[in-house]
Amino acid sequence: MARIVSFDSASAGRSVRRFGLFAVIAVVLLYLGCATTTRVDAGHVGIRVKLAGSDRGIQDMPVVTGWVFYNPLTEQIVLFPTSVQNVVWTQSPHEGKPVDESITFSSSEGVNANADIGLSFHIEPSMAPKLYGRFRLNDLERLSDGYMRNTVREAFNDVASKLPVQDVYGAGKSKMLADVTQKCRDVFGKDGIVIDQLTINGTLRLPQNVVDAINRAMEATQKALESRNRVAQVQAEAEQAITQAHGAAEAARQKAQGEADALLIRGHAEAQYNEIIRLSTTPAVLQYRSIEHWDGKLPEYNAGQLPMLTFDVRRDQGGGGMDEATRERMLKALLDQAKPVGPVPPPDIQPVPVAGAPAAPDPVPAASAPAH
């Protein structure tokens, strides 16, 4: 019976020692696991630094986010933020730090200007090892308050020193800020610092006497601009009046020309009409008209002929001595020339008397009246 109890005691002792060994091993493994594992959260990048060995130093390839295993005896993981950082360098103690961090720079005349500057930036993850290797800092606040602030201040001084104070304070401020931003990007881009935005918060602070002088100059410029605008308006109104006068004169000239042309056309038509009347008045027509208008009374005295009843039809009194064929040819040419186009009634033109030509006759029959 004693042997059995002794055997059970020995077994229990070995079980306790075995459990204790397992517990120690588990604790050691847990410690090693915690010591050799770290987590790289979103918005950060891990930088693996070799502490020993032939490749000792900062590794060029950053570690992606997630759990990372490393040897704490020979390696170190440095977390580097890559999210957007916002920095304000201001004069006010209620924003940023309670000290004056505003930036002062000078114009080409040597006038000092003071401004509150805002900066937004982030780190390019692929270049984080290079930035860390240069400054040995993963605290971006310290980096921005030192190296970055000095770079921005130098960029402002470099750009503003080439500009007059009127441009720095007035319309040229936007271009100045754009040039400063580009200069900062050129410098910071080599270190993997990406400038998202650079701003001048509020207005620039200049000496009061300079502000007064600039305001007076701007007021004088504004008045000169208004004067030029008034002169331009007067010139425009004068040019408009001249144009209207020229237009009225041209209209009057066109009207007079039209009236003169109308008179010439009317005179030409009347002359043509009178010529047609002259050529169409033959001795036979004259004889017929005389008979038509005779009242039948004979004169108390006559020399053997009835006056106005006997005509020498052999002579062409209407044709001006021309033969009958020539007269008819000329008359036909005039009639063809004066023929109206389309159903347009002939104009109401009164014939102009022509010396040696009788009055216009009414239409007569083709046959000639017999002479008595």
Protein backbone atom coordinates (compact mmCIF):
# COMPACT_ATOMS: atom_id res chain seq x y z
CA MET A 1 0.00 0.00 0.00
CA ALA A 2 2.85 2.35 0.74
CA ARG A 3 4.41 1.75 -2.64
CA ILE A 4 1.17 2.74 -4.39
CA VAL A 5 0.97 6.06 -2.53
CA SER A 6 4.62 6.83 -3.28
CA PHE A 7 4.07 6.08 -6.95
CA ASP A 8 1.07 8.40 -7.16
CA SER A 9 3.01 11.20 -5.45
CA ALA A 10 5.88 10.90 -7.94
CA SER A 11 3.46 11.07 -10.88
CA ALA A 12 1.76 14.14 -9.49
CA GLY A 13 5.11 15.84 -9.02
CA ARG A 14 6.17 15.17 -12.60
CA SER A 15 2.82 16.53 -13.89
CA VAL A 16 3.26 19.73 -11.95
CA ARG A 17 6.79 20.22 -13.22
CA ARG A 18 5.65 19.51 -16.79
CA PHE A 19 2.78 22.05 -16.50
CA GLY A 20 5.14 24.61 -15.08
CA LEU A 21 7.54 24.09 -17.97
CA PHE A 22 4.75 24.51 -20.50
CA ALA A 23 3.61 27.67 -18.75
CA VAL A 24 7.11 29.11 -18.83
CA ILE A 25 7.47 28.25 -22.51
CA ALA A 26 4.10 29.85 -23.27
CA VAL A 27 5.05 33.02 -21.42
CA VAL A 28 8.37 33.17 -23.22
CA LEU A 29 6.70 32.66 -26.59
CA LEU A 30 4.09 35.31 -25.80
CA TYR A 31 6.78 37.75 -24.80
CA LEU A 32 8.81 37.03 -27.91
CA GLY A 33 5.69 37.38 -30.03
CA CYS A 34 4.89 40.75 -28.54
CA ALA A 35 8.48 41.89 -28.79
CA THR A 36 8.92 40.83 -32.43
CA THR A 37 5.55 41.97 -33.77
CA THR A 38 4.15 45.45 -34.36
CA ARG A 39 1.24 46.89 -36.25
CA VAL A 40 1.44 49.70 -38.86
CA ASP A 41 -1.91 51.50 -38.82
CA ALA A 42 -3.56 53.29 -41.73
CA GLY A 43 -2.16 56.77 -42.35
CA HIS A 44 1.33 55.61 -41.42
CA VAL A 45 4.20 53.79 -43.06
CA GLY A 46 6.71 51.58 -41.32
CA ILE A 47 10.43 52.07 -41.88
CA ARG A 48 12.65 49.05 -41.18
CA VAL A 49 15.99 50.00 -39.69
CA LYS A 50 18.79 47.40 -39.53
CA LEU A 51 20.74 47.72 -36.28
CA ALA A 52 23.44 45.17 -37.05
CA GLY A 53 24.82 43.16 -39.91
CA SER A 54 26.34 44.00 -43.25
CA ASP A 55 23.20 45.88 -44.47
CA ARG A 56 22.98 47.97 -41.34
CA GLY A 57 21.03 51.22 -41.73
CA ILE A 58 17.67 52.39 -43.04
CA GLN A 59 16.07 50.16 -45.64
CA ASP A 60 14.96 51.78 -48.86
CA MET A 61 11.68 49.91 -49.06
CA PRO A 62 9.04 51.04 -46.55
CA VAL A 63 6.80 48.53 -44.81
CA VAL A 64 3.15 48.48 -45.80
CA THR A 65 0.36 48.74 -43.26
CA GLY A 66 -0.62 45.71 -41.17
CA TRP A 67 1.18 43.36 -38.82
CA VAL A 68 4.95 43.32 -39.19
CA PHE A 69 7.37 40.70 -37.78
CA TYR A 70 10.95 41.75 -37.09
CA ASN A 71 13.91 40.81 -34.93
CA PRO A 72 14.10 43.36 -32.10
CA LEU A 73 17.73 42.43 -31.49
CA THR A 74 18.87 43.46 -34.98
CA GLU A 75 15.97 45.50 -36.39
CA GLN A 76 13.72 48.43 -35.52
CA ILE A 77 10.39 49.53 -37.06
CA VAL A 78 9.85 53.31 -37.10
CA LEU A 79 6.30 54.52 -37.75
CA PHE A 80 6.09 57.52 -40.05
CA PRO A 81 2.78 59.41 -40.59
CA THR A 82 1.65 59.89 -44.20
CA SER A 83 -1.71 61.59 -43.63
CA VAL A 84 -2.21 65.31 -44.41
CA GLN A 85 -0.66 67.60 -41.82
CA ASN A 86 -1.93 71.15 -41.20
CA VAL A 87 0.40 73.79 -39.78
CA VAL A 88 -0.34 77.45 -38.95
CA TRP A 89 2.34 80.02 -38.27
CA THR A 90 0.45 82.99 -36.86
CA GLN A 91 0.91 86.04 -34.70
CA SER A 92 -2.16 85.27 -32.62
CA PRO A 93 -1.57 83.36 -29.35
CA HIS A 94 -5.00 81.75 -29.70
CA GLU A 95 -4.15 79.78 -32.85
CA GLY A 96 -1.24 77.42 -33.27
CA LYS A 97 1.27 77.99 -30.51
CA PRO A 98 1.02 80.73 -27.87
CA VAL A 99 4.02 82.51 -29.36
CA ASP A 100 4.41 84.71 -32.43
CA GLU A 101 5.27 82.37 -35.33
CA SER A 102 4.24 84.70 -38.17
CA ILE A 103 6.63 85.15 -41.10
CA THR A 104 8.18 88.48 -42.08
CA PHE A 105 9.65 89.21 -45.52
CA SER A 106 10.78 92.32 -47.43
CA SER A 107 9.81 93.88 -50.77
CA SER A 108 12.23 95.24 -53.37
CA GLU A 109 12.20 98.65 -51.58
CA GLY A 110 13.06 97.01 -48.29
CA VAL A 111 9.58 97.43 -46.79
CA ASN A 112 8.84 94.68 -44.26
CA ALA A 113 5.60 92.75 -44.56
CA ASN A 114 4.31 90.37 -41.92
CA ALA A 115 1.81 87.56 -42.63
CA ASP A 116 0.12 84.59 -41.01
CA ILE A 117 0.92 81.50 -43.10
CA GLY A 118 -0.99 78.24 -43.35
CA LEU A 119 0.56 75.05 -44.77
CA SER A 120 -0.96 71.66 -45.63
CA PHE A 121 1.36 68.81 -46.64
CA HIS A 122 1.83 65.07 -46.56
CA ILE A 123 4.70 62.61 -46.97
CA GLU A 124 5.08 60.44 -50.06
CA PRO A 125 5.18 56.88 -48.60
CA SER A 126 7.81 55.61 -51.02
CA MET A 127 10.21 58.41 -50.00
CA ALA A 128 9.62 58.21 -46.24
CA PRO A 129 12.84 56.20 -45.63
CA LYS A 130 14.91 58.89 -47.38
CA LEU A 131 13.29 61.67 -45.32
CA TYR A 132 13.82 59.76 -42.09
CA GLY A 133 17.40 58.98 -43.02
CA ARG A 134 18.12 62.66 -43.60
CA PHE A 135 16.53 64.18 -40.49
CA ARG A 136 16.21 61.16 -38.17
CA LEU A 137 12.79 62.43 -37.21
CA ASN A 138 9.37 60.87 -37.46
CA ASP A 139 7.75 63.76 -35.59
CA LEU A 140 6.34 65.92 -38.40
CA GLU A 141 5.45 68.74 -36.01
CA ARG A 142 9.08 69.25 -35.11
CA LEU A 143 10.05 68.89 -38.77
CA SER A 144 7.54 71.55 -39.87
CA ASP A 145 8.45 74.02 -37.12
CA GLY A 146 12.13 73.83 -37.98
CA TYR A 147 13.25 72.88 -41.48
CA MET A 148 9.95 73.51 -43.28
CA ARG A 149 9.23 76.90 -41.68
CA ASN A 150 12.72 78.15 -42.54
CA THR A 151 12.32 76.99 -46.14
CA VAL A 152 8.94 78.75 -46.52
CA ARG A 153 10.32 81.97 -45.01
CA GLU A 154 13.30 81.95 -47.39
CA ALA A 155 10.98 81.37 -50.35
CA PHE A 156 8.85 84.38 -49.38
CA ASN A 157 11.93 86.59 -49.00
CA ASP A 158 13.36 85.43 -52.32
CA VAL A 159 10.16 86.07 -54.32
CA ALA A 160 9.05 89.27 -52.55
CA SER A 161 12.49 90.88 -52.87
CA LYS A 162 11.90 91.13 -56.64
CA LEU A 163 8.48 92.81 -56.32
CA PRO A 164 7.50 96.38 -55.37
CA VAL A 165 5.45 96.77 -52.23
CA GLN A 166 2.36 97.75 -54.30
CA ASP A 167 2.39 94.30 -55.95
CA VAL A 168 3.07 92.51 -52.67
CA TYR A 169 0.17 94.28 -50.99
CA GLY A 170 -2.16 94.55 -53.99
CA ALA A 171 -2.97 92.67 -57.16
CA GLY A 172 0.40 90.90 -57.33
CA LYS A 173 -0.11 89.03 -54.06
CA SER A 174 -1.71 86.00 -55.75
CA LYS A 175 1.18 85.62 -58.18
CA MET A 176 3.68 86.04 -55.37
CA LEU A 177 1.98 83.28 -53.38
CA ALA A 178 1.92 80.99 -56.44
CA ASP A 179 5.64 81.54 -57.03
CA VAL A 180 6.43 80.85 -53.37
CA THR A 181 4.37 77.66 -53.44
CA GLN A 182 6.19 76.42 -56.54
CA LYS A 183 9.57 77.19 -55.03
CA CYS A 184 8.65 75.27 -51.86
CA ARG A 185 7.45 72.32 -53.90
CA ASP A 186 10.73 72.23 -55.79
CA VAL A 187 12.69 72.11 -52.51
CA PHE A 188 10.44 69.77 -50.51
CA GLY A 189 9.78 67.42 -53.42
CA LYS A 190 13.36 66.15 -53.24
CA ASP A 191 12.68 64.91 -49.69
CA GLY A 192 9.29 63.38 -50.42
CA ILE A 193 7.28 66.21 -48.83
CA VAL A 194 4.25 67.05 -50.97
CA ILE A 195 2.78 70.57 -50.55
CA ASP A 196 -1.00 70.42 -50.77
CA GLN A 197 -1.71 74.09 -50.06
CA LEU A 198 0.11 77.23 -48.97
CA THR A 199 -1.98 80.22 -47.93
CA ILE A 200 -1.69 83.73 -46.51
CA ASN A 201 -4.25 83.89 -43.73
CA GLY A 202 -5.85 87.32 -43.48
CA THR A 203 -4.22 90.49 -44.77
CA LEU A 204 -0.59 91.44 -44.89
CA ARG A 205 0.66 93.67 -42.10
CA LEU A 206 2.68 96.67 -43.30
CA PRO A 207 3.89 99.85 -41.59
CA GLN A 208 1.02 102.32 -41.31
CA ASN A 209 2.76 105.04 -43.32
CA VAL A 210 3.29 102.57 -46.17
CA VAL A 211 -0.36 101.49 -46.04
CA ASP A 212 -1.48 105.13 -46.22
CA ALA A 213 0.79 105.83 -49.19
CA ILE A 214 -0.45 102.75 -51.03
CA ASN A 215 -4.06 103.69 -50.39
CA ARG A 216 -3.47 107.20 -51.75
CA ALA A 217 -1.78 105.80 -54.84
CA MET A 218 -4.61 103.34 -55.39
CA GLU A 219 -7.17 106.12 -55.00
CA ALA A 220 -5.32 108.28 -57.54
CA THR A 221 -5.16 105.35 -59.94
CA GLN A 222 -8.88 104.75 -59.53
CA LYS A 223 -9.67 108.40 -60.25
CA ALA A 224 -7.44 108.36 -63.33
CA LEU A 225 -9.23 105.26 -64.55
CA GLU A 226 -12.60 106.92 -64.05
CA SER A 227 -11.37 109.98 -65.99
CA ARG A 228 -10.20 107.80 -68.85
CA ASN A 229 -13.55 106.05 -68.87
CA ARG A 230 -15.36 109.39 -69.07
CA VAL A 231 -13.11 110.55 -71.92
CA ALA A 232 -13.71 107.29 -73.74
CA GLN A 233 -17.45 107.71 -73.27
CA VAL A 234 -17.37 111.27 -74.65
CA GLN A 235 -15.30 110.13 -77.61
CA ALA A 236 -17.73 107.30 -78.26
CA GLU A 237 -20.69 109.70 -78.15
CA ALA A 238 -18.90 112.12 -80.51
CA GLU A 239 -18.09 109.34 -82.93
CA GLN A 240 -21.71 108.21 -82.78
CA ALA A 241 -22.92 111.75 -83.54
CA ILE A 242 -20.48 112.01 -86.45
CA THR A 243 -21.65 108.67 -87.78
CA GLN A 244 -25.27 109.74 -87.52
CA ALA A 245 -24.47 113.05 -89.30
CA HIS A 246 -22.66 111.19 -92.07
CA GLY A 247 -25.58 108.82 -92.36
CA ALA A 248 -28.07 111.71 -92.59
CA ALA A 249 -25.90 113.46 -95.20
CA GLU A 250 -25.60 110.29 -97.22
CA ALA A 251 -29.35 109.74 -97.00
CA ALA A 252 -29.97 113.32 -98.19
CA ARG A 253 -27.50 112.87 -101.03
CA GLN A 254 -29.11 109.60 -102.05
CA LYS A 255 -32.53 111.25 -101.94
CA ALA A 256 -31.35 114.20 -104.06
CA GLN A 257 -29.68 111.83 -106.48
CA GLY A 258 -32.87 109.81 -106.70
CA GLU A 259 -34.94 112.90 -107.35
CA ALA A 260 -32.47 114.08 -110.01
CA ASP A 261 -32.50 110.66 -111.64
CA ALA A 262 -36.30 110.69 -111.57
CA LEU A 263 -36.36 114.10 -113.27
CA LEU A 264 -33.93 112.91 -115.94
CA ILE A 265 -35.97 109.78 -116.56
CA ARG A 266 -39.18 111.81 -116.72
CA GLY A 267 -37.61 114.35 -119.11
CA HIS A 268 -36.26 111.59 -121.29
CA ALA A 269 -39.67 109.93 -121.37
CA GLU A 270 -41.40 113.21 -122.23
CA ALA A 271 -38.90 113.96 -124.98
CA GLN A 272 -39.35 110.47 -126.38
CA TYR A 273 -43.13 110.84 -126.20
CA ASN A 274 -43.03 114.20 -128.02
CA GLU A 275 -40.78 112.73 -130.70
CA ILE A 276 -43.26 109.89 -131.21
CA ILE A 277 -46.09 112.45 -131.55
CA ARG A 278 -44.05 114.46 -134.03
CA LEU A 279 -43.22 111.49 -136.20
CA SER A 280 -46.78 110.12 -136.09
CA THR A 281 -48.35 113.43 -137.22
CA THR A 282 -48.74 113.04 -141.03
CA PRO A 283 -50.48 115.43 -143.47
CA ALA A 284 -53.39 113.00 -143.70
CA VAL A 285 -53.87 113.15 -139.93
CA LEU A 286 -53.71 116.92 -139.96
CA GLN A 287 -56.24 117.05 -142.80
CA TYR A 288 -58.58 114.72 -140.88
CA ARG A 289 -58.31 116.80 -137.70
CA SER A 290 -59.03 120.01 -139.60
CA ILE A 291 -62.15 118.51 -141.16
CA GLU A 292 -63.21 117.08 -137.78
CA HIS A 293 -62.98 120.44 -136.05
CA TRP A 294 -64.41 122.58 -138.92
CA ASP A 295 -67.77 124.10 -138.04
CA GLY A 296 -68.98 124.09 -141.69
CA LYS A 297 -68.88 127.81 -142.16
CA LEU A 298 -67.00 129.21 -145.09
CA PRO A 299 -65.12 132.44 -144.78
CA GLU A 300 -66.59 135.44 -146.44
CA TYR A 301 -63.61 135.73 -148.65
CA ASN A 302 -61.46 132.98 -150.13
CA ALA A 303 -59.00 132.75 -152.93
CA GLY A 304 -60.34 129.61 -154.50
CA GLN A 305 -59.51 127.07 -151.75
CA LEU A 306 -61.16 126.19 -148.48
CA PRO A 307 -58.76 127.04 -145.67
CA MET A 308 -57.66 124.15 -143.48
CA LEU A 309 -59.29 121.66 -145.83
CA THR A 310 -56.70 121.30 -148.52
CA PHE A 311 -53.23 119.87 -147.72
CA ASP A 312 -50.34 119.03 -149.89
CA VAL A 313 -49.98 115.39 -148.94
CA ARG A 314 -46.86 115.06 -151.01
CA ARG A 315 -44.85 116.96 -148.41
CA ASP A 316 -43.97 115.40 -145.05
CA GLN A 317 -44.69 118.28 -142.72
CA GLY A 318 -44.50 116.11 -139.55
CA GLY A 319 -41.26 114.38 -140.45
CA GLY A 320 -39.14 117.46 -140.89
CA GLY A 321 -38.57 116.91 -144.63
CA MET A 322 -37.68 113.20 -144.37
CA ASP A 323 -39.19 110.61 -146.69
CA GLU A 324 -42.01 108.32 -145.59
CA ALA A 325 -39.85 105.20 -145.22
CA THR A 326 -37.37 106.94 -142.93
CA ARG A 327 -40.18 108.41 -140.84
CA GLU A 328 -41.89 105.05 -140.39
CA ARG A 329 -38.59 103.36 -139.48
CA MET A 330 -37.78 105.96 -136.85
CA LEU A 331 -41.30 105.85 -135.45
CA LYS A 332 -41.20 102.05 -135.18
CA ALA A 333 -37.84 102.18 -133.37
CA LEU A 334 -39.17 104.70 -130.85
CA LEU A 335 -42.35 102.72 -130.28
CA ASP A 336 -40.38 99.52 -129.72
CA GLN A 337 -38.05 101.32 -127.31
CA ALA A 338 -40.92 102.84 -125.33
CA LYS A 339 -42.95 99.62 -125.17
CA PRO A 340 -43.78 98.85 -121.45
CA VAL A 341 -42.81 95.50 -119.90
CA GLY A 342 -45.73 93.58 -118.44
CA PRO A 343 -49.23 94.81 -117.74
CA VAL A 344 -48.09 98.19 -116.44
CA PRO A 345 -50.26 101.16 -117.52
CA PRO A 346 -48.40 103.96 -119.29
CA PRO A 347 -47.37 106.89 -117.09
CA ASP A 348 -49.52 109.94 -116.99
CA ILE A 349 -47.10 112.22 -118.83
CA GLN A 350 -48.18 115.44 -120.40
CA PRO A 351 -46.36 116.09 -123.66
CA VAL A 352 -44.05 119.00 -123.76
CA PRO A 353 -44.74 121.20 -126.80
CA VAL A 354 -41.97 121.09 -129.36
CA ALA A 355 -41.40 123.96 -131.69
CA GLY A 356 -42.85 123.13 -135.11
CA ALA A 357 -44.82 120.09 -133.85
CA PRO A 358 -48.65 120.08 -133.60
CA ALA A 359 -50.65 118.95 -130.59
CA ALA A 360 -51.06 115.23 -129.89
CA PRO A 361 -53.90 113.82 -131.98
CA ASP A 362 -56.56 111.38 -130.88
CA PRO A 363 -56.58 107.94 -132.48
CA VAL A 364 -57.87 108.15 -136.06
CA PRO A 365 -58.95 105.58 -138.61
CA ALA A 366 -56.35 104.23 -140.89
CA ALA A 367 -58.01 105.70 -143.98
CA SER A 368 -57.37 109.36 -144.81
CA ALA A 369 -60.29 111.76 -145.28
CA PRO A 370 -60.75 112.98 -148.83
CA ALA A 371 -59.62 116.51 -149.52
CA HIS A 372 -62.10 119.11 -150.76
